[in-house]
Amino acid sequence: MFFLLEALAREGRFDELLKTIHDYWGVQIAAGATTCWETYHPQEARSTRSHCHGWSAAPVYFLSQYVLGVQPLAPGFRKILVAPRGNLEWCHGRAPTPAGTVECFWQRTGQRSNSG
């Protein structure tokens, strides 16, 4: 799933990235998960092999980097850029960096124009 999310991000398909995270990991949250499951197979009697699996934590990276939008502009996050992507009305979160935790909140307040 990490590679699928990476491909969607590289292609600029951020709404699809958000939908994939919602559809796959959202079901885990709805089931009461407080960690990322190794796999999710609702059609099987045992829906996952591990209820806490680091390799399944891909949404943490993609939500921080692309949806919240916290990106490094200099090594070690000495300078950052907040550039959210996707079709959300607002977002609030924290992103850990070597320079400390970056907390940000953003809200869309109108239409953005790309013309100068």
PDB file of N, CA and C in Angstrom:
ATOM      1  N   MET A   1       0.812  -1.190   0.000  1.00  0.00           N
ATOM      2  CA  MET A   1       0.000   0.000   0.000  1.00  0.00           C
ATOM      3  C   MET A   1       0.861   1.262   0.000  1.00  0.00           C
ATOM      4  N   PHE A   2       2.054   1.171   0.635  1.00  0.00           N
ATOM      5  CA  PHE A   2       2.940   2.332   0.621  1.00  0.00           C
ATOM      6  C   PHE A   2       3.266   2.725  -0.815  1.00  0.00           C
ATOM      7  N   PHE A   3       3.577   1.732  -1.638  1.00  0.00           N
ATOM      8  CA  PHE A   3       3.973   2.021  -3.017  1.00  0.00           C
ATOM      9  C   PHE A   3       2.797   2.570  -3.829  1.00  0.00           C
ATOM     10  N   LEU A   4       1.588   2.128  -3.542  1.00  0.00           N
ATOM     11  CA  LEU A   4       0.419   2.692  -4.205  1.00  0.00           C
ATOM     12  C   LEU A   4       0.257   4.160  -3.814  1.00  0.00           C
ATOM     13  N   LEU A   5       0.366   4.463  -2.518  1.00  0.00           N
ATOM     14  CA  LEU A   5       0.247   5.852  -2.070  1.00  0.00           C
ATOM     15  C   LEU A   5       1.365   6.708  -2.659  1.00  0.00           C
ATOM     16  N   GLU A   6       2.568   6.159  -2.741  1.00  0.00           N
ATOM     17  CA  GLU A   6       3.694   6.883  -3.336  1.00  0.00           C
ATOM     18  C   GLU A   6       3.422   7.198  -4.805  1.00  0.00           C
ATOM     19  N   ALA A   7       2.886   6.226  -5.531  1.00  0.00           N
ATOM     20  CA  ALA A   7       2.580   6.449  -6.947  1.00  0.00           C
ATOM     21  C   ALA A   7       1.504   7.522  -7.109  1.00  0.00           C
ATOM     22  N   LEU A   8       0.477   7.476  -6.268  1.00  0.00           N
ATOM     23  CA  LEU A   8      -0.579   8.494  -6.341  1.00  0.00           C
ATOM     24  C   LEU A   8      -0.016   9.879  -6.049  1.00  0.00           C
ATOM     25  N   ALA A   9       0.869   9.982  -5.065  1.00  0.00           N
ATOM     26  CA  ALA A   9       1.479  11.273  -4.736  1.00  0.00           C
ATOM     27  C   ALA A   9       2.339  11.768  -5.898  1.00  0.00           C
ATOM     28  N   ARG A  10       3.140  10.899  -6.477  1.00  0.00           N
ATOM     29  CA  ARG A  10       4.005  11.308  -7.595  1.00  0.00           C
ATOM     30  C   ARG A  10       3.204  11.766  -8.805  1.00  0.00           C
ATOM     31  N   GLU A  11       2.014  11.186  -8.970  1.00  0.00           N
ATOM     32  CA  GLU A  11       1.151  11.557 -10.088  1.00  0.00           C
ATOM     33  C   GLU A  11       0.267  12.755  -9.770  1.00  0.00           C
ATOM     34  N   GLY A  12       0.361  13.273  -8.529  1.00  0.00           N
ATOM     35  CA  GLY A  12      -0.450  14.417  -8.140  1.00  0.00           C
ATOM     36  C   GLY A  12      -1.915  14.083  -7.926  1.00  0.00           C
ATOM     37  N   ARG A  13      -2.217  12.815  -7.666  1.00  0.00           N
ATOM     38  CA  ARG A  13      -3.600  12.360  -7.488  1.00  0.00           C
ATOM     39  C   ARG A  13      -3.927  12.319  -5.983  1.00  0.00           C
ATOM     40  N   PHE A  14      -3.933  13.501  -5.373  1.00  0.00           N
ATOM     41  CA  PHE A  14      -4.061  13.597  -3.923  1.00  0.00           C
ATOM     42  C   PHE A  14      -5.460  13.279  -3.414  1.00  0.00           C
ATOM     43  N   ASP A  15      -6.487  13.573  -4.178  1.00  0.00           N
ATOM     44  CA  ASP A  15      -7.833  13.203  -3.751  1.00  0.00           C
ATOM     45  C   ASP A  15      -7.985  11.681  -3.719  1.00  0.00           C
ATOM     46  N   GLU A  16      -7.390  11.008  -4.693  1.00  0.00           N
ATOM     47  CA  GLU A  16      -7.417   9.540  -4.714  1.00  0.00           C
ATOM     48  C   GLU A  16      -6.570   8.971  -3.577  1.00  0.00           C
ATOM     49  N   LEU A  17      -5.453   9.622  -3.265  1.00  0.00           N
ATOM     50  CA  LEU A  17      -4.623   9.224  -2.133  1.00  0.00           C
ATOM     51  C   LEU A  17      -5.439   9.294  -0.835  1.00  0.00           C
ATOM     52  N   LEU A  18      -6.144  10.404  -0.633  1.00  0.00           N
ATOM     53  CA  LEU A  18      -6.992  10.553   0.555  1.00  0.00           C
ATOM     54  C   LEU A  18      -8.092   9.496   0.604  1.00  0.00           C
ATOM     55  N   LYS A  19      -8.710   9.211  -0.522  1.00  0.00           N
ATOM     56  CA  LYS A  19      -9.772   8.208  -0.565  1.00  0.00           C
ATOM     57  C   LYS A  19      -9.219   6.825  -0.240  1.00  0.00           C
ATOM     58  N   THR A  20      -8.041   6.503  -0.750  1.00  0.00           N
ATOM     59  CA  THR A  20      -7.424   5.209  -0.460  1.00  0.00           C
ATOM     60  C   THR A  20      -7.139   5.074   1.025  1.00  0.00           C
ATOM     61  N   ILE A  21      -6.582   6.113   1.628  1.00  0.00           N
ATOM     62  CA  ILE A  21      -6.316   6.082   3.069  1.00  0.00           C
ATOM     63  C   ILE A  21      -7.631   5.929   3.835  1.00  0.00           C
ATOM     64  N   HIS A  22      -8.627   6.694   3.458  1.00  0.00           N
ATOM     65  CA  HIS A  22      -9.928   6.622   4.127  1.00  0.00           C
ATOM     66  C   HIS A  22     -10.533   5.219   4.009  1.00  0.00           C
ATOM     67  N   ASP A  23     -10.531   4.677   2.808  1.00  0.00           N
ATOM     68  CA  ASP A  23     -11.184   3.394   2.574  1.00  0.00           C
ATOM     69  C   ASP A  23     -10.452   2.224   3.229  1.00  0.00           C
ATOM     70  N   TYR A  24      -9.121   2.239   3.220  1.00  0.00           N
ATOM     71  CA  TYR A  24      -8.352   1.100   3.745  1.00  0.00           C
ATOM     72  C   TYR A  24      -8.090   1.235   5.245  1.00  0.00           C
ATOM     73  N   TRP A  25      -7.542   2.350   5.659  1.00  0.00           N
ATOM     74  CA  TRP A  25      -7.211   2.527   7.074  1.00  0.00           C
ATOM     75  C   TRP A  25      -8.409   3.020   7.878  1.00  0.00           C
ATOM     76  N   GLY A  26      -9.344   3.707   7.238  1.00  0.00           N
ATOM     77  CA  GLY A  26     -10.530   4.178   7.940  1.00  0.00           C
ATOM     78  C   GLY A  26     -11.369   3.039   8.489  1.00  0.00           C
ATOM     79  N   VAL A  27     -11.424   1.930   7.766  1.00  0.00           N
ATOM     80  CA  VAL A  27     -12.158   0.758   8.230  1.00  0.00           C
ATOM     81  C   VAL A  27     -11.506   0.199   9.497  1.00  0.00           C
ATOM     82  N   GLN A  28     -10.186   0.268   9.555  1.00  0.00           N
ATOM     83  CA  GLN A  28      -9.482  -0.197  10.748  1.00  0.00           C
ATOM     84  C   GLN A  28      -9.840   0.684  11.947  1.00  0.00           C
ATOM     85  N   ILE A  29      -9.880   1.984  11.731  1.00  0.00           N
ATOM     86  CA  ILE A  29     -10.257   2.915  12.802  1.00  0.00           C
ATOM     87  C   ILE A  29     -11.693   2.645  13.241  1.00  0.00           C
ATOM     88  N   ALA A  30     -12.584   2.449  12.282  1.00  0.00           N
ATOM     89  CA  ALA A  30     -13.985   2.165  12.603  1.00  0.00           C
ATOM     90  C   ALA A  30     -14.117   0.868  13.403  1.00  0.00           C
ATOM     91  N   ALA A  31     -13.182  -0.056  13.207  1.00  0.00           N
ATOM     92  CA  ALA A  31     -13.196  -1.323  13.953  1.00  0.00           C
ATOM     93  C   ALA A  31     -12.584  -1.172  15.341  1.00  0.00           C
ATOM     94  N   GLY A  32     -12.122   0.042  15.675  1.00  0.00           N
ATOM     95  CA  GLY A  32     -11.565   0.284  17.006  1.00  0.00           C
ATOM     96  C   GLY A  32     -10.051   0.268  17.074  1.00  0.00           C
ATOM     97  N   ALA A  33      -9.385   0.190  15.934  1.00  0.00           N
ATOM     98  CA  ALA A  33      -7.921   0.137  15.927  1.00  0.00           C
ATOM     99  C   ALA A  33      -7.313   1.429  16.454  1.00  0.00           C
ATOM    100  N   THR A  34      -6.261   1.288  17.225  1.00  0.00           N
ATOM    101  CA  THR A  34      -5.484   2.443  17.684  1.00  0.00           C
ATOM    102  C   THR A  34      -4.065   2.377  17.131  1.00  0.00           C
ATOM    103  N   THR A  35      -3.801   1.384  16.305  1.00  0.00           N
ATOM    104  CA  THR A  35      -2.527   1.196  15.620  1.00  0.00           C
ATOM    105  C   THR A  35      -2.826   0.805  14.176  1.00  0.00           C
ATOM    106  N   CYS A  36      -1.792   0.748  13.353  1.00  0.00           N
ATOM    107  CA  CYS A  36      -1.956   0.341  11.955  1.00  0.00           C
ATOM    108  C   CYS A  36      -1.767  -1.167  11.839  1.00  0.00           C
ATOM    109  N   TRP A  37      -2.763  -1.832  11.289  1.00  0.00           N
ATOM    110  CA  TRP A  37      -2.710  -3.279  11.113  1.00  0.00           C
ATOM    111  C   TRP A  37      -1.777  -3.644   9.965  1.00  0.00           C
ATOM    112  N   GLU A  38      -1.207  -4.833  10.050  1.00  0.00           N
ATOM    113  CA  GLU A  38      -0.305  -5.294   8.993  1.00  0.00           C
ATOM    114  C   GLU A  38      -1.036  -5.402   7.661  1.00  0.00           C
ATOM    115  N   THR A  39      -2.197  -5.996   7.667  1.00  0.00           N
ATOM    116  CA  THR A  39      -3.019  -6.158   6.469  1.00  0.00           C
ATOM    117  C   THR A  39      -4.468  -5.978   6.878  1.00  0.00           C
ATOM    118  N   TYR A  40      -5.320  -5.864   5.898  1.00  0.00           N
ATOM    119  CA  TYR A  40      -6.741  -5.817   6.187  1.00  0.00           C
ATOM    120  C   TYR A  40      -7.478  -6.592   5.105  1.00  0.00           C
ATOM    121  N   HIS A  41      -8.102  -7.696   5.511  1.00  0.00           N
ATOM    122  CA  HIS A  41      -8.850  -8.549   4.595  1.00  0.00           C
ATOM    123  C   HIS A  41     -10.217  -8.838   5.202  1.00  0.00           C
ATOM    124  N   PRO A  42     -11.203  -7.984   4.936  1.00  0.00           N
ATOM    125  CA  PRO A  42     -12.507  -8.148   5.578  1.00  0.00           C
ATOM    126  C   PRO A  42     -13.225  -9.445   5.210  1.00  0.00           C
ATOM    127  N   GLN A  43     -12.861 -10.035   4.076  1.00  0.00           N
ATOM    128  CA  GLN A  43     -13.536 -11.241   3.629  1.00  0.00           C
ATOM    129  C   GLN A  43     -13.023 -12.495   4.339  1.00  0.00           C
ATOM    130  N   GLU A  44     -11.933 -12.396   5.086  1.00  0.00           N
ATOM    131  CA  GLU A  44     -11.371 -13.552   5.773  1.00  0.00           C
ATOM    132  C   GLU A  44     -11.802 -13.575   7.236  1.00  0.00           C
ATOM    133  N   ALA A  45     -11.817 -14.775   7.820  1.00  0.00           N
ATOM    134  CA  ALA A  45     -12.216 -14.920   9.223  1.00  0.00           C
ATOM    135  C   ALA A  45     -11.308 -14.117  10.142  1.00  0.00           C
ATOM    136  N   ARG A  46     -10.029 -14.097   9.835  1.00  0.00           N
ATOM    137  CA  ARG A  46      -9.053 -13.308  10.600  1.00  0.00           C
ATOM    138  C   ARG A  46      -8.632 -12.155   9.700  1.00  0.00           C
ATOM    139  N   SER A  47      -9.091 -10.964  10.016  1.00  0.00           N
ATOM    140  CA  SER A  47      -8.913  -9.833   9.103  1.00  0.00           C
ATOM    141  C   SER A  47      -7.487  -9.311   9.009  1.00  0.00           C
ATOM    142  N   THR A  48      -6.604  -9.669   9.957  1.00  0.00           N
ATOM    143  CA  THR A  48      -5.208  -9.233   9.906  1.00  0.00           C
ATOM    144  C   THR A  48      -4.326 -10.232  10.630  1.00  0.00           C
ATOM    145  N   ARG A  49      -3.018 -10.176  10.358  1.00  0.00           N
ATOM    146  CA  ARG A  49      -2.070 -11.048  11.069  1.00  0.00           C
ATOM    147  C   ARG A  49      -1.479 -10.338  12.270  1.00  0.00           C
ATOM    148  N   SER A  50      -1.363  -9.016  12.194  1.00  0.00           N
ATOM    149  CA  SER A  50      -0.756  -8.236  13.263  1.00  0.00           C
ATOM    150  C   SER A  50      -1.545  -6.952  13.447  1.00  0.00           C
ATOM    151  N   HIS A  51      -1.885  -6.648  14.685  1.00  0.00           N
ATOM    152  CA  HIS A  51      -2.660  -5.431  14.956  1.00  0.00           C
ATOM    153  C   HIS A  51      -1.779  -4.209  15.197  1.00  0.00           C
ATOM    154  N   CYS A  52      -0.481  -4.370  15.084  1.00  0.00           N
ATOM    155  CA  CYS A  52       0.438  -3.242  15.248  1.00  0.00           C
ATOM    156  C   CYS A  52       1.661  -3.511  14.388  1.00  0.00           C
ATOM    157  N   HIS A  53       1.710  -2.858  13.244  1.00  0.00           N
ATOM    158  CA  HIS A  53       2.752  -3.191  12.279  1.00  0.00           C
ATOM    159  C   HIS A  53       3.314  -1.910  11.660  1.00  0.00           C
ATOM    160  N   GLY A  54       4.578  -1.660  11.885  1.00  0.00           N
ATOM    161  CA  GLY A  54       5.217  -0.432  11.408  1.00  0.00           C
ATOM    162  C   GLY A  54       5.151  -0.228   9.910  1.00  0.00           C
ATOM    163  N   TRP A  55       5.223  -1.308   9.138  1.00  0.00           N
ATOM    164  CA  TRP A  55       5.196  -1.172   7.685  1.00  0.00           C
ATOM    165  C   TRP A  55       3.847  -0.673   7.193  1.00  0.00           C
ATOM    166  N   SER A  56       2.835  -0.752   8.021  1.00  0.00           N
ATOM    167  CA  SER A  56       1.495  -0.314   7.614  1.00  0.00           C
ATOM    168  C   SER A  56       1.195   1.123   8.001  1.00  0.00           C
ATOM    169  N   ALA A  57       2.176   1.815   8.523  1.00  0.00           N
ATOM    170  CA  ALA A  57       1.967   3.186   8.998  1.00  0.00           C
ATOM    171  C   ALA A  57       2.153   4.229   7.898  1.00  0.00           C
ATOM    172  N   ALA A  58       2.068   3.838   6.646  1.00  0.00           N
ATOM    173  CA  ALA A  58       2.267   4.748   5.522  1.00  0.00           C
ATOM    174  C   ALA A  58       1.412   6.010   5.598  1.00  0.00           C
ATOM    175  N   PRO A  59       0.157   5.936   6.042  1.00  0.00           N
ATOM    176  CA  PRO A  59      -0.644   7.160   6.086  1.00  0.00           C
ATOM    177  C   PRO A  59      -0.017   8.258   6.942  1.00  0.00           C
ATOM    178  N   VAL A  60       0.728   7.906   7.957  1.00  0.00           N
ATOM    179  CA  VAL A  60       1.369   8.920   8.806  1.00  0.00           C
ATOM    180  C   VAL A  60       2.272   9.803   7.952  1.00  0.00           C
ATOM    181  N   TYR A  61       3.085   9.189   7.125  1.00  0.00           N
ATOM    182  CA  TYR A  61       3.991   9.936   6.251  1.00  0.00           C
ATOM    183  C   TYR A  61       3.216  10.763   5.230  1.00  0.00           C
ATOM    184  N   PHE A  62       2.288  10.132   4.523  1.00  0.00           N
ATOM    185  CA  PHE A  62       1.593  10.822   3.436  1.00  0.00           C
ATOM    186  C   PHE A  62       0.649  11.906   3.943  1.00  0.00           C
ATOM    187  N   LEU A  63       0.001  11.672   5.072  1.00  0.00           N
ATOM    188  CA  LEU A  63      -0.870  12.707   5.622  1.00  0.00           C
ATOM    189  C   LEU A  63      -0.057  13.905   6.113  1.00  0.00           C
ATOM    190  N   SER A  64       1.099  13.650   6.736  1.00  0.00           N
ATOM    191  CA  SER A  64       1.955  14.754   7.201  1.00  0.00           C
ATOM    192  C   SER A  64       2.544  15.532   6.035  1.00  0.00           C
ATOM    193  N   GLN A  65       3.114  14.811   5.084  1.00  0.00           N
ATOM    194  CA  GLN A  65       3.851  15.429   3.977  1.00  0.00           C
ATOM    195  C   GLN A  65       2.942  16.123   2.967  1.00  0.00           C
ATOM    196  N   TYR A  66       1.825  15.491   2.633  1.00  0.00           N
ATOM    197  CA  TYR A  66       1.014  16.010   1.529  1.00  0.00           C
ATOM    198  C   TYR A  66      -0.317  16.622   1.959  1.00  0.00           C
ATOM    199  N   VAL A  67      -1.000  16.043   2.912  1.00  0.00           N
ATOM    200  CA  VAL A  67      -2.309  16.566   3.297  1.00  0.00           C
ATOM    201  C   VAL A  67      -2.149  17.715   4.287  1.00  0.00           C
ATOM    202  N   LEU A  68      -1.447  17.468   5.394  1.00  0.00           N
ATOM    203  CA  LEU A  68      -1.107  18.573   6.290  1.00  0.00           C
ATOM    204  C   LEU A  68      -0.183  19.528   5.546  1.00  0.00           C
ATOM    205  N   GLY A  69       0.728  18.953   4.763  1.00  0.00           N
ATOM    206  CA  GLY A  69       1.550  19.737   3.856  1.00  0.00           C
ATOM    207  C   GLY A  69       2.899  20.167   4.380  1.00  0.00           C
ATOM    208  N   VAL A  70       3.377  19.583   5.479  1.00  0.00           N
ATOM    209  CA  VAL A  70       4.664  19.989   6.062  1.00  0.00           C
ATOM    210  C   VAL A  70       5.797  19.310   5.293  1.00  0.00           C
ATOM    211  N   GLN A  71       6.613  20.137   4.626  1.00  0.00           N
ATOM    212  CA  GLN A  71       7.702  19.632   3.791  1.00  0.00           C
ATOM    213  C   GLN A  71       8.991  20.374   4.108  1.00  0.00           C
ATOM    214  N   PRO A  72      10.130  19.678   4.045  1.00  0.00           N
ATOM    215  CA  PRO A  72      11.399  20.353   4.311  1.00  0.00           C
ATOM    216  C   PRO A  72      11.844  21.201   3.124  1.00  0.00           C
ATOM    217  N   LEU A  73      12.355  22.382   3.412  1.00  0.00           N
ATOM    218  CA  LEU A  73      12.982  23.224   2.390  1.00  0.00           C
ATOM    219  C   LEU A  73      14.488  23.277   2.574  1.00  0.00           C
ATOM    220  N   ALA A  74      14.950  22.843   3.745  1.00  0.00           N
ATOM    221  CA  ALA A  74      16.378  22.790   4.044  1.00  0.00           C
ATOM    222  C   ALA A  74      16.641  21.516   4.832  1.00  0.00           C
ATOM    223  N   PRO A  75      17.866  20.992   4.763  1.00  0.00           N
ATOM    224  CA  PRO A  75      18.184  19.780   5.510  1.00  0.00           C
ATOM    225  C   PRO A  75      17.803  19.902   6.985  1.00  0.00           C
ATOM    226  N   GLY A  76      17.295  18.798   7.529  1.00  0.00           N
ATOM    227  CA  GLY A  76      16.921  18.778   8.934  1.00  0.00           C
ATOM    228  C   GLY A  76      15.686  19.592   9.256  1.00  0.00           C
ATOM    229  N   PHE A  77      14.919  19.957   8.236  1.00  0.00           N
ATOM    230  CA  PHE A  77      13.721  20.776   8.411  1.00  0.00           C
ATOM    231  C   PHE A  77      14.049  22.127   9.031  1.00  0.00           C
ATOM    232  N   ARG A  78      15.265  22.657   8.775  1.00  0.00           N
ATOM    233  CA  ARG A  78      15.600  23.980   9.315  1.00  0.00           C
ATOM    234  C   ARG A  78      14.712  25.057   8.740  1.00  0.00           C
ATOM    235  N   LYS A  79      14.239  24.819   7.512  1.00  0.00           N
ATOM    236  CA  LYS A  79      13.216  25.661   6.883  1.00  0.00           C
ATOM    237  C   LYS A  79      12.135  24.711   6.393  1.00  0.00           C
ATOM    238  N   ILE A  80      10.879  25.144   6.529  1.00  0.00           N
ATOM    239  CA  ILE A  80       9.785  24.293   6.077  1.00  0.00           C
ATOM    240  C   ILE A  80       8.858  25.054   5.141  1.00  0.00           C
ATOM    241  N   LEU A  81       8.100  24.277   4.412  1.00  0.00           N
ATOM    242  CA  LEU A  81       7.045  24.786   3.552  1.00  0.00           C
ATOM    243  C   LEU A  81       5.767  24.078   3.978  1.00  0.00           C
ATOM    244  N   VAL A  82       4.693  24.807   4.129  1.00  0.00           N
ATOM    245  CA  VAL A  82       3.387  24.199   4.364  1.00  0.00           C
ATOM    246  C   VAL A  82       2.605  24.353   3.070  1.00  0.00           C
ATOM    247  N   ALA A  83       2.431  23.234   2.359  1.00  0.00           N
ATOM    248  CA  ALA A  83       1.779  23.239   1.052  1.00  0.00           C
ATOM    249  C   ALA A  83       0.797  22.071   0.985  1.00  0.00           C
ATOM    250  N   PRO A  84      -0.389  22.240   1.564  1.00  0.00           N
ATOM    251  CA  PRO A  84      -1.364  21.145   1.585  1.00  0.00           C
ATOM    252  C   PRO A  84      -1.895  20.821   0.194  1.00  0.00           C
ATOM    253  N   ARG A  85      -2.212  19.547   0.022  1.00  0.00           N
ATOM    254  CA  ARG A  85      -2.787  19.082  -1.243  1.00  0.00           C
ATOM    255  C   ARG A  85      -4.008  18.225  -0.926  1.00  0.00           C
ATOM    256  N   GLY A  86      -4.888  18.133  -1.878  1.00  0.00           N
ATOM    257  CA  GLY A  86      -6.104  17.348  -1.685  1.00  0.00           C
ATOM    258  C   GLY A  86      -7.284  18.255  -1.432  1.00  0.00           C
ATOM    259  N   ASN A  87      -8.427  17.657  -1.439  1.00  0.00           N
ATOM    260  CA  ASN A  87      -9.668  18.420  -1.387  1.00  0.00           C
ATOM    261  C   ASN A  87     -10.296  18.363   0.008  1.00  0.00           C
ATOM    262  N   LEU A  88      -9.592  18.840   1.006  1.00  0.00           N
ATOM    263  CA  LEU A  88     -10.139  18.948   2.354  1.00  0.00           C
ATOM    264  C   LEU A  88     -10.472  20.401   2.644  1.00  0.00           C
ATOM    265  N   GLU A  89     -11.431  20.618   3.518  1.00  0.00           N
ATOM    266  CA  GLU A  89     -11.776  21.976   3.906  1.00  0.00           C
ATOM    267  C   GLU A  89     -10.828  22.512   4.964  1.00  0.00           C
ATOM    268  N   TRP A  90     -10.284  21.633   5.813  1.00  0.00           N
ATOM    269  CA  TRP A  90      -9.365  22.057   6.861  1.00  0.00           C
ATOM    270  C   TRP A  90      -8.504  20.872   7.288  1.00  0.00           C
ATOM    271  N   CYS A  91      -7.444  21.169   7.995  1.00  0.00           N
ATOM    272  CA  CYS A  91      -6.568  20.128   8.522  1.00  0.00           C
ATOM    273  C   CYS A  91      -5.822  20.687   9.728  1.00  0.00           C
ATOM    274  N   HIS A  92      -5.615  19.859  10.714  1.00  0.00           N
ATOM    275  CA  HIS A  92      -4.866  20.227  11.911  1.00  0.00           C
ATOM    276  C   HIS A  92      -4.015  19.029  12.282  1.00  0.00           C
ATOM    277  N   GLY A  93      -2.736  19.243  12.492  1.00  0.00           N
ATOM    278  CA  GLY A  93      -1.884  18.126  12.846  1.00  0.00           C
ATOM    279  C   GLY A  93      -0.504  18.554  13.283  1.00  0.00           C
ATOM    280  N   ARG A  94       0.276  17.550  13.640  1.00  0.00           N
ATOM    281  CA  ARG A  94       1.666  17.750  14.068  1.00  0.00           C
ATOM    282  C   ARG A  94       2.559  16.829  13.250  1.00  0.00           C
ATOM    283  N   ALA A  95       3.699  17.352  12.872  1.00  0.00           N
ATOM    284  CA  ALA A  95       4.674  16.567  12.129  1.00  0.00           C
ATOM    285  C   ALA A  95       6.004  16.588  12.879  1.00  0.00           C
ATOM    286  N   PRO A  96       6.508  15.422  13.256  1.00  0.00           N
ATOM    287  CA  PRO A  96       7.801  15.394  13.936  1.00  0.00           C
ATOM    288  C   PRO A  96       8.933  15.674  12.953  1.00  0.00           C
ATOM    289  N   THR A  97       9.897  16.466  13.356  1.00  0.00           N
ATOM    290  CA  THR A  97      11.074  16.764  12.532  1.00  0.00           C
ATOM    291  C   THR A  97      12.303  16.721  13.430  1.00  0.00           C
ATOM    292  N   PRO A  98      13.498  16.644  12.861  1.00  0.00           N
ATOM    293  CA  PRO A  98      14.710  16.691  13.683  1.00  0.00           C
ATOM    294  C   PRO A  98      14.830  17.990  14.479  1.00  0.00           C
ATOM    295  N   ALA A  99      14.187  19.049  13.992  1.00  0.00           N
ATOM    296  CA  ALA A  99      14.253  20.346  14.668  1.00  0.00           C
ATOM    297  C   ALA A  99      13.142  20.517  15.703  1.00  0.00           C
ATOM    298  N   GLY A 100      12.298  19.517  15.861  1.00  0.00           N
ATOM    299  CA  GLY A 100      11.185  19.595  16.798  1.00  0.00           C
ATOM    300  C   GLY A 100       9.864  19.378  16.080  1.00  0.00           C
ATOM    301  N   THR A 101       8.811  19.380  16.829  1.00  0.00           N
ATOM    302  CA  THR A 101       7.481  19.137  16.271  1.00  0.00           C
ATOM    303  C   THR A 101       6.924  20.403  15.625  1.00  0.00           C
ATOM    304  N   VAL A 102       6.411  20.247  14.425  1.00  0.00           N
ATOM    305  CA  VAL A 102       5.751  21.339  13.721  1.00  0.00           C
ATOM    306  C   VAL A 102       4.249  21.098  13.845  1.00  0.00           C
ATOM    307  N   GLU A 103       3.560  22.052  14.424  1.00  0.00           N
ATOM    308  CA  GLU A 103       2.107  21.958  14.519  1.00  0.00           C
ATOM    309  C   GLU A 103       1.505  23.019  13.621  1.00  0.00           C
ATOM    310  N   CYS A 104       0.539  22.627  12.830  1.00  0.00           N
ATOM    311  CA  CYS A 104      -0.106  23.624  11.992  1.00  0.00           C
ATOM    312  C   CYS A 104      -1.583  23.305  11.816  1.00  0.00           C
ATOM    313  N   PHE A 105      -2.296  24.342  11.512  1.00  0.00           N
ATOM    314  CA  PHE A 105      -3.720  24.277  11.225  1.00  0.00           C
ATOM    315  C   PHE A 105      -3.949  25.125   9.992  1.00  0.00           C
ATOM    316  N   TRP A 106      -4.690  24.598   9.045  1.00  0.00           N
ATOM    317  CA  TRP A 106      -5.076  25.409   7.909  1.00  0.00           C
ATOM    318  C   TRP A 106      -6.539  25.148   7.575  1.00  0.00           C
ATOM    319  N   GLN A 107      -7.132  26.143   6.938  1.00  0.00           N
ATOM    320  CA  GLN A 107      -8.526  26.059   6.529  1.00  0.00           C
ATOM    321  C   GLN A 107      -8.683  26.781   5.203  1.00  0.00           C
ATOM    322  N   ARG A 108      -9.378  26.161   4.289  1.00  0.00           N
ATOM    323  CA  ARG A 108      -9.649  26.810   2.995  1.00  0.00           C
ATOM    324  C   ARG A 108     -10.774  27.812   3.198  1.00  0.00           C
ATOM    325  N   THR A 109     -10.547  29.022   2.726  1.00  0.00           N
ATOM    326  CA  THR A 109     -11.534  30.077   2.950  1.00  0.00           C
ATOM    327  C   THR A 109     -12.121  30.604   1.652  1.00  0.00           C
ATOM    328  N   GLY A 110     -11.670  30.103   0.524  1.00  0.00           N
ATOM    329  CA  GLY A 110     -12.198  30.578  -0.760  1.00  0.00           C
ATOM    330  C   GLY A 110     -11.502  29.851  -1.881  1.00  0.00           C
ATOM    331  N   GLN A 111     -11.795  30.274  -3.079  1.00  0.00           N
ATOM    332  CA  GLN A 111     -11.181  29.656  -4.244  1.00  0.00           C
ATOM    333  C   GLN A 111      -9.808  30.236  -4.479  1.00  0.00           C
ATOM    334  N   ARG A 112      -8.895  29.381  -4.839  1.00  0.00           N
ATOM    335  CA  ARG A 112      -7.530  29.801  -5.135  1.00  0.00           C
ATOM    336  C   ARG A 112      -7.378  29.949  -6.634  1.00  0.00           C
ATOM    337  N   SER A 113      -6.735  30.996  -7.035  1.00  0.00           N
ATOM    338  CA  SER A 113      -6.492  31.220  -8.450  1.00  0.00           C
ATOM    339  C   SER A 113      -5.010  31.022  -8.732  1.00  0.00           C
ATOM    340  N   ASN A 114      -4.716  30.327  -9.821  1.00  0.00           N
ATOM    341  CA  ASN A 114      -3.319  30.128 -10.207  1.00  0.00           C
ATOM    342  C   ASN A 114      -2.814  31.248 -11.107  1.00  0.00           C
ATOM    343  N   SER A 115      -3.693  32.145 -11.508  1.00  0.00           N
ATOM    344  CA  SER A 115      -3.242  33.241 -12.361  1.00  0.00           C
ATOM    345  C   SER A 115      -2.707  34.365 -11.489  1.00  0.00           C
ATOM    346  N   GLY A 116      -1.671  35.042 -11.989  1.00  0.00           N
ATOM    347  CA  GLY A 116      -0.971  36.058 -11.227  1.00  0.00           C
ATOM    348  C   GLY A 116      -1.711  37.299 -11.097  1.00  0.00           C
TER     349      GLY A 116
END
